[in-house]
């Protein structure tokens, strides 16, 4: 797979491809072009790289972050967030790594 390969456009929903997954980690490539999301409240941590495009993420408490090509972000577990806006030209290509934080010593 080429990470920059695009699906046929237009797309109504985000296109999610699971690149690797095991009991500890899940790596996804997501392509979005103008989509928004509902609120997420995830059990795992999420490390995000925006490889292409521009996007705005909204977080609980009226905080927003604008991401551009090459920006990275770590979203801790249970940090409520949503995708508020994604560019369509160019489309957004996300690389997202989801993982569980070790609970050793707990």
N, C-alpha and C. Protein backbone atom coordinates (compact mmCIF):
# COMPACT_ATOMS: atom_id res chain seq x y z
N UNK A 1 0.84 -1.18 0.00
CA UNK A 1 0.00 0.00 0.00
C UNK A 1 0.88 1.24 0.00
N UNK A 2 0.46 2.23 -0.74
CA UNK A 2 1.10 3.53 -0.70
C UNK A 2 0.24 4.43 0.18
N UNK A 3 0.83 5.02 1.21
CA UNK A 3 0.09 5.82 2.19
C UNK A 3 -0.62 7.00 1.54
N UNK A 4 -0.12 7.48 0.39
CA UNK A 4 -0.70 8.64 -0.28
C UNK A 4 -1.70 8.26 -1.38
N UNK A 5 -1.91 6.98 -1.60
CA UNK A 5 -2.87 6.55 -2.61
C UNK A 5 -4.27 6.97 -2.19
N UNK A 6 -5.01 7.57 -3.10
CA UNK A 6 -6.33 8.11 -2.79
C UNK A 6 -7.45 7.20 -3.28
N UNK A 7 -8.55 7.18 -2.51
CA UNK A 7 -9.74 6.47 -2.98
C UNK A 7 -10.41 7.28 -4.08
N UNK A 8 -11.38 6.70 -4.76
CA UNK A 8 -12.14 7.46 -5.75
C UNK A 8 -12.95 8.54 -5.06
N UNK A 9 -12.99 9.72 -5.63
CA UNK A 9 -13.73 10.84 -5.05
C UNK A 9 -14.96 11.11 -5.89
N UNK A 10 -15.99 11.68 -5.35
CA UNK A 10 -16.12 12.15 -3.96
C UNK A 10 -16.38 10.98 -3.01
N UNK A 11 -16.06 11.21 -1.72
CA UNK A 11 -16.35 10.22 -0.69
C UNK A 11 -17.34 10.83 0.29
N UNK A 12 -18.33 10.03 0.69
CA UNK A 12 -19.34 10.51 1.64
C UNK A 12 -18.88 10.38 3.08
N UNK A 13 -18.12 9.33 3.37
CA UNK A 13 -17.63 9.05 4.72
C UNK A 13 -16.11 8.93 4.68
N UNK A 14 -15.51 9.08 5.84
CA UNK A 14 -14.07 8.85 5.93
C UNK A 14 -13.76 7.43 5.47
N UNK A 15 -12.59 7.26 4.86
CA UNK A 15 -12.13 5.93 4.44
C UNK A 15 -11.06 5.50 5.42
N UNK A 16 -11.36 4.44 6.18
CA UNK A 16 -10.45 3.96 7.23
C UNK A 16 -9.85 2.63 6.81
N UNK A 17 -8.52 2.57 6.81
CA UNK A 17 -7.80 1.33 6.51
C UNK A 17 -6.96 0.96 7.72
N UNK A 18 -7.19 -0.23 8.26
CA UNK A 18 -6.37 -0.72 9.37
C UNK A 18 -5.10 -1.31 8.76
N UNK A 19 -3.97 -0.70 9.07
CA UNK A 19 -2.69 -1.13 8.51
C UNK A 19 -2.06 -2.24 9.32
N UNK A 20 -2.25 -2.21 10.62
CA UNK A 20 -1.70 -3.23 11.53
C UNK A 20 -2.53 -3.21 12.80
N UNK A 21 -2.70 -4.39 13.38
CA UNK A 21 -3.46 -4.47 14.63
C UNK A 21 -3.05 -5.73 15.38
N UNK A 22 -2.88 -5.56 16.69
CA UNK A 22 -2.71 -6.70 17.59
C UNK A 22 -3.32 -6.32 18.93
N UNK A 23 -3.06 -7.07 19.97
CA UNK A 23 -3.70 -6.80 21.26
C UNK A 23 -3.21 -5.50 21.91
N UNK A 24 -2.10 -4.94 21.44
CA UNK A 24 -1.51 -3.75 22.05
C UNK A 24 -1.68 -2.47 21.26
N UNK A 25 -1.77 -2.60 19.94
CA UNK A 25 -1.73 -1.40 19.09
C UNK A 25 -2.61 -1.60 17.85
N UNK A 26 -3.15 -0.50 17.35
CA UNK A 26 -3.87 -0.48 16.08
C UNK A 26 -3.39 0.75 15.31
N UNK A 27 -2.96 0.54 14.07
CA UNK A 27 -2.49 1.63 13.22
C UNK A 27 -3.46 1.77 12.07
N UNK A 28 -3.98 3.00 11.90
CA UNK A 28 -4.96 3.25 10.85
C UNK A 28 -4.50 4.38 9.95
N UNK A 29 -4.85 4.26 8.68
CA UNK A 29 -4.75 5.37 7.75
C UNK A 29 -6.19 5.81 7.49
N UNK A 30 -6.46 7.10 7.65
CA UNK A 30 -7.80 7.63 7.44
C UNK A 30 -7.71 8.73 6.39
N UNK A 31 -8.60 8.67 5.41
CA UNK A 31 -8.71 9.73 4.41
C UNK A 31 -10.05 10.41 4.62
N UNK A 32 -10.01 11.73 4.75
CA UNK A 32 -11.24 12.50 4.91
C UNK A 32 -11.18 13.71 3.98
N UNK A 33 -12.36 14.12 3.53
CA UNK A 33 -12.44 15.25 2.59
C UNK A 33 -13.72 16.02 2.89
N UNK A 34 -13.65 16.87 3.91
CA UNK A 34 -14.80 17.68 4.28
C UNK A 34 -15.68 17.06 5.36
N UNK A 35 -15.34 15.88 5.86
CA UNK A 35 -16.16 15.23 6.87
C UNK A 35 -15.92 15.82 8.26
N UNK A 36 -16.92 15.63 9.11
CA UNK A 36 -16.84 15.93 10.53
C UNK A 36 -17.20 14.65 11.27
N UNK A 37 -16.93 14.60 12.56
CA UNK A 37 -17.25 13.40 13.33
C UNK A 37 -18.11 13.74 14.54
N UNK A 38 -18.67 12.70 15.12
CA UNK A 38 -19.32 12.83 16.41
C UNK A 38 -18.22 12.87 17.47
N UNK A 39 -18.62 13.01 18.72
CA UNK A 39 -17.65 13.04 19.83
C UNK A 39 -17.09 11.65 20.08
N UNK A 40 -15.78 11.59 20.31
CA UNK A 40 -15.09 10.36 20.68
C UNK A 40 -14.71 10.43 22.16
N UNK A 41 -14.84 9.30 22.85
CA UNK A 41 -14.36 9.12 24.22
C UNK A 41 -13.71 7.74 24.24
N UNK A 42 -12.43 7.69 23.90
CA UNK A 42 -11.73 6.44 23.65
C UNK A 42 -11.04 5.89 24.88
N UNK A 43 -10.99 4.57 24.95
CA UNK A 43 -10.29 3.86 26.02
C UNK A 43 -8.78 3.96 25.87
N UNK A 44 -8.29 4.08 24.62
CA UNK A 44 -6.86 4.04 24.37
C UNK A 44 -6.31 5.43 24.07
N UNK A 45 -4.99 5.54 24.13
CA UNK A 45 -4.29 6.75 23.68
C UNK A 45 -4.27 6.74 22.16
N UNK A 46 -4.21 7.94 21.57
CA UNK A 46 -4.15 8.04 20.11
C UNK A 46 -3.07 9.05 19.74
N UNK A 47 -2.09 8.57 18.98
CA UNK A 47 -1.06 9.45 18.42
C UNK A 47 -1.43 9.70 16.97
N UNK A 48 -1.58 10.97 16.60
CA UNK A 48 -2.08 11.36 15.29
C UNK A 48 -1.00 12.12 14.52
N UNK A 49 -0.83 11.77 13.25
CA UNK A 49 0.01 12.54 12.33
C UNK A 49 -0.88 12.92 11.16
N UNK A 50 -0.97 14.20 10.85
CA UNK A 50 -1.69 14.64 9.67
C UNK A 50 -0.67 14.73 8.54
N UNK A 51 -0.73 13.78 7.63
CA UNK A 51 0.26 13.69 6.55
C UNK A 51 -0.05 14.65 5.40
N UNK A 52 -1.32 14.98 5.23
CA UNK A 52 -1.74 15.86 4.14
C UNK A 52 -3.01 16.58 4.55
N UNK A 53 -3.18 17.81 4.08
CA UNK A 53 -4.41 18.55 4.32
C UNK A 53 -4.36 19.45 5.54
N UNK A 54 -5.56 19.96 5.88
CA UNK A 54 -5.74 20.82 7.05
C UNK A 54 -6.98 20.34 7.78
N UNK A 55 -6.94 20.41 9.12
CA UNK A 55 -8.08 19.94 9.91
C UNK A 55 -8.17 20.72 11.20
N UNK A 56 -9.36 20.70 11.76
CA UNK A 56 -9.57 21.32 13.06
C UNK A 56 -10.22 20.28 13.97
N UNK A 57 -9.64 20.09 15.14
CA UNK A 57 -10.17 19.19 16.15
C UNK A 57 -10.74 20.02 17.29
N UNK A 58 -11.90 19.62 17.78
CA UNK A 58 -12.53 20.29 18.92
C UNK A 58 -12.44 19.36 20.12
N UNK A 59 -12.15 19.95 21.27
CA UNK A 59 -12.03 19.19 22.51
C UNK A 59 -13.04 19.71 23.51
N UNK A 60 -13.43 18.83 24.42
CA UNK A 60 -14.35 19.21 25.48
C UNK A 60 -13.81 20.45 26.20
N UNK A 61 -14.69 21.39 26.50
CA UNK A 61 -14.27 22.62 27.15
C UNK A 61 -14.01 23.74 26.15
N UNK A 62 -14.51 23.60 24.94
CA UNK A 62 -14.39 24.63 23.89
C UNK A 62 -12.97 24.91 23.43
N UNK A 63 -12.08 23.94 23.55
CA UNK A 63 -10.71 24.10 23.04
C UNK A 63 -10.64 23.52 21.63
N UNK A 64 -10.00 24.22 20.72
CA UNK A 64 -9.82 23.71 19.37
C UNK A 64 -8.35 23.75 18.99
N UNK A 65 -7.98 22.83 18.12
CA UNK A 65 -6.62 22.77 17.61
C UNK A 65 -6.71 22.68 16.09
N UNK A 66 -5.97 23.53 15.41
CA UNK A 66 -5.87 23.46 13.96
C UNK A 66 -4.60 22.71 13.61
N UNK A 67 -4.74 21.72 12.75
CA UNK A 67 -3.59 20.92 12.33
C UNK A 67 -3.35 21.13 10.85
N UNK A 68 -2.09 21.17 10.47
CA UNK A 68 -1.69 21.27 9.07
C UNK A 68 -0.73 20.14 8.77
N UNK A 69 -0.46 19.98 7.50
CA UNK A 69 0.42 18.90 7.04
C UNK A 69 1.67 18.80 7.90
N UNK A 70 1.93 17.59 8.42
CA UNK A 70 3.12 17.33 9.22
C UNK A 70 2.92 17.48 10.72
N UNK A 71 1.79 18.05 11.15
CA UNK A 71 1.54 18.23 12.59
C UNK A 71 1.21 16.89 13.25
N UNK A 72 1.62 16.79 14.51
CA UNK A 72 1.34 15.60 15.32
C UNK A 72 0.60 16.01 16.59
N UNK A 73 -0.07 15.02 17.17
CA UNK A 73 -0.86 15.29 18.37
C UNK A 73 -1.02 13.99 19.14
N UNK A 74 -0.91 14.06 20.45
CA UNK A 74 -1.20 12.92 21.31
C UNK A 74 -2.49 13.20 22.06
N UNK A 75 -3.47 12.30 21.90
CA UNK A 75 -4.75 12.44 22.58
C UNK A 75 -4.81 11.35 23.65
N UNK A 76 -4.83 11.74 24.93
CA UNK A 76 -4.85 10.74 26.00
C UNK A 76 -6.21 10.04 26.09
N UNK A 77 -6.26 8.90 26.77
CA UNK A 77 -7.52 8.19 26.94
C UNK A 77 -8.59 9.10 27.58
N UNK A 78 -9.80 8.94 27.11
CA UNK A 78 -10.98 9.65 27.64
C UNK A 78 -10.93 11.17 27.47
N UNK A 79 -10.05 11.67 26.59
CA UNK A 79 -10.07 13.09 26.25
C UNK A 79 -11.13 13.25 25.15
N UNK A 80 -12.29 13.76 25.52
CA UNK A 80 -13.39 13.87 24.56
C UNK A 80 -13.01 14.84 23.47
N UNK A 81 -13.18 14.39 22.22
CA UNK A 81 -12.79 15.20 21.07
C UNK A 81 -13.61 14.80 19.85
N UNK A 82 -13.58 15.68 18.86
CA UNK A 82 -14.23 15.37 17.58
C UNK A 82 -13.49 16.09 16.47
N UNK A 83 -13.66 15.59 15.26
CA UNK A 83 -13.13 16.27 14.08
C UNK A 83 -14.17 17.30 13.68
N UNK A 84 -13.81 18.59 13.78
CA UNK A 84 -14.74 19.67 13.50
C UNK A 84 -14.73 20.06 12.03
N UNK A 85 -13.58 19.89 11.37
CA UNK A 85 -13.47 20.32 9.98
C UNK A 85 -12.28 19.64 9.34
N UNK A 86 -12.42 19.22 8.08
CA UNK A 86 -11.29 18.69 7.31
C UNK A 86 -11.30 19.31 5.92
N UNK A 87 -10.13 19.55 5.39
CA UNK A 87 -10.05 20.12 4.04
C UNK A 87 -10.43 19.06 3.00
N UNK A 88 -11.02 19.52 1.91
CA UNK A 88 -11.36 18.63 0.80
C UNK A 88 -10.32 18.74 -0.32
N UNK A 89 -9.64 19.88 -0.39
CA UNK A 89 -8.64 20.09 -1.43
C UNK A 89 -7.45 20.80 -0.80
N UNK A 90 -6.43 20.09 -0.37
CA UNK A 90 -6.27 18.66 -0.55
C UNK A 90 -7.02 17.89 0.53
N UNK A 91 -7.37 16.64 0.24
CA UNK A 91 -7.99 15.81 1.27
C UNK A 91 -7.02 15.55 2.42
N UNK A 92 -7.55 15.23 3.57
CA UNK A 92 -6.72 14.90 4.73
C UNK A 92 -6.32 13.43 4.67
N UNK A 93 -5.06 13.19 4.95
CA UNK A 93 -4.56 11.82 5.15
C UNK A 93 -4.00 11.79 6.56
N UNK A 94 -4.61 10.96 7.38
CA UNK A 94 -4.22 10.82 8.79
C UNK A 94 -3.52 9.48 8.97
N UNK A 95 -2.49 9.45 9.81
CA UNK A 95 -1.92 8.20 10.29
C UNK A 95 -2.15 8.22 11.80
N UNK A 96 -2.92 7.27 12.29
CA UNK A 96 -3.31 7.25 13.70
C UNK A 96 -2.86 5.95 14.35
N UNK A 97 -2.20 6.08 15.49
CA UNK A 97 -1.72 4.93 16.25
C UNK A 97 -2.48 4.92 17.57
N UNK A 98 -3.27 3.87 17.78
CA UNK A 98 -4.05 3.70 19.00
C UNK A 98 -3.36 2.65 19.85
N UNK A 99 -3.18 2.94 21.15
CA UNK A 99 -2.50 1.99 22.02
C UNK A 99 -3.00 2.14 23.45
N UNK A 100 -2.90 1.05 24.18
CA UNK A 100 -3.28 1.04 25.60
C UNK A 100 -2.09 1.46 26.44
N UNK A 101 -2.34 2.31 27.42
CA UNK A 101 -1.30 2.70 28.36
C UNK A 101 -1.16 1.58 29.38
N UNK A 102 0.07 1.18 29.65
CA UNK A 102 0.34 0.11 30.60
C UNK A 102 -0.16 0.49 31.98
N UNK A 103 -0.79 -0.47 32.67
CA UNK A 103 -1.30 -0.22 34.02
C UNK A 103 -0.45 -0.97 35.05
N UNK A 104 0.83 -1.15 34.77
CA UNK A 104 1.73 -1.82 35.70
C UNK A 104 1.79 -1.04 37.01
N UNK A 105 1.78 -1.76 38.06
CA UNK A 105 1.86 -1.13 39.36
C UNK A 105 0.52 -0.64 39.88
N UNK A 106 -0.53 -0.81 39.08
CA UNK A 106 -1.86 -0.35 39.51
C UNK A 106 -2.54 -1.40 40.34
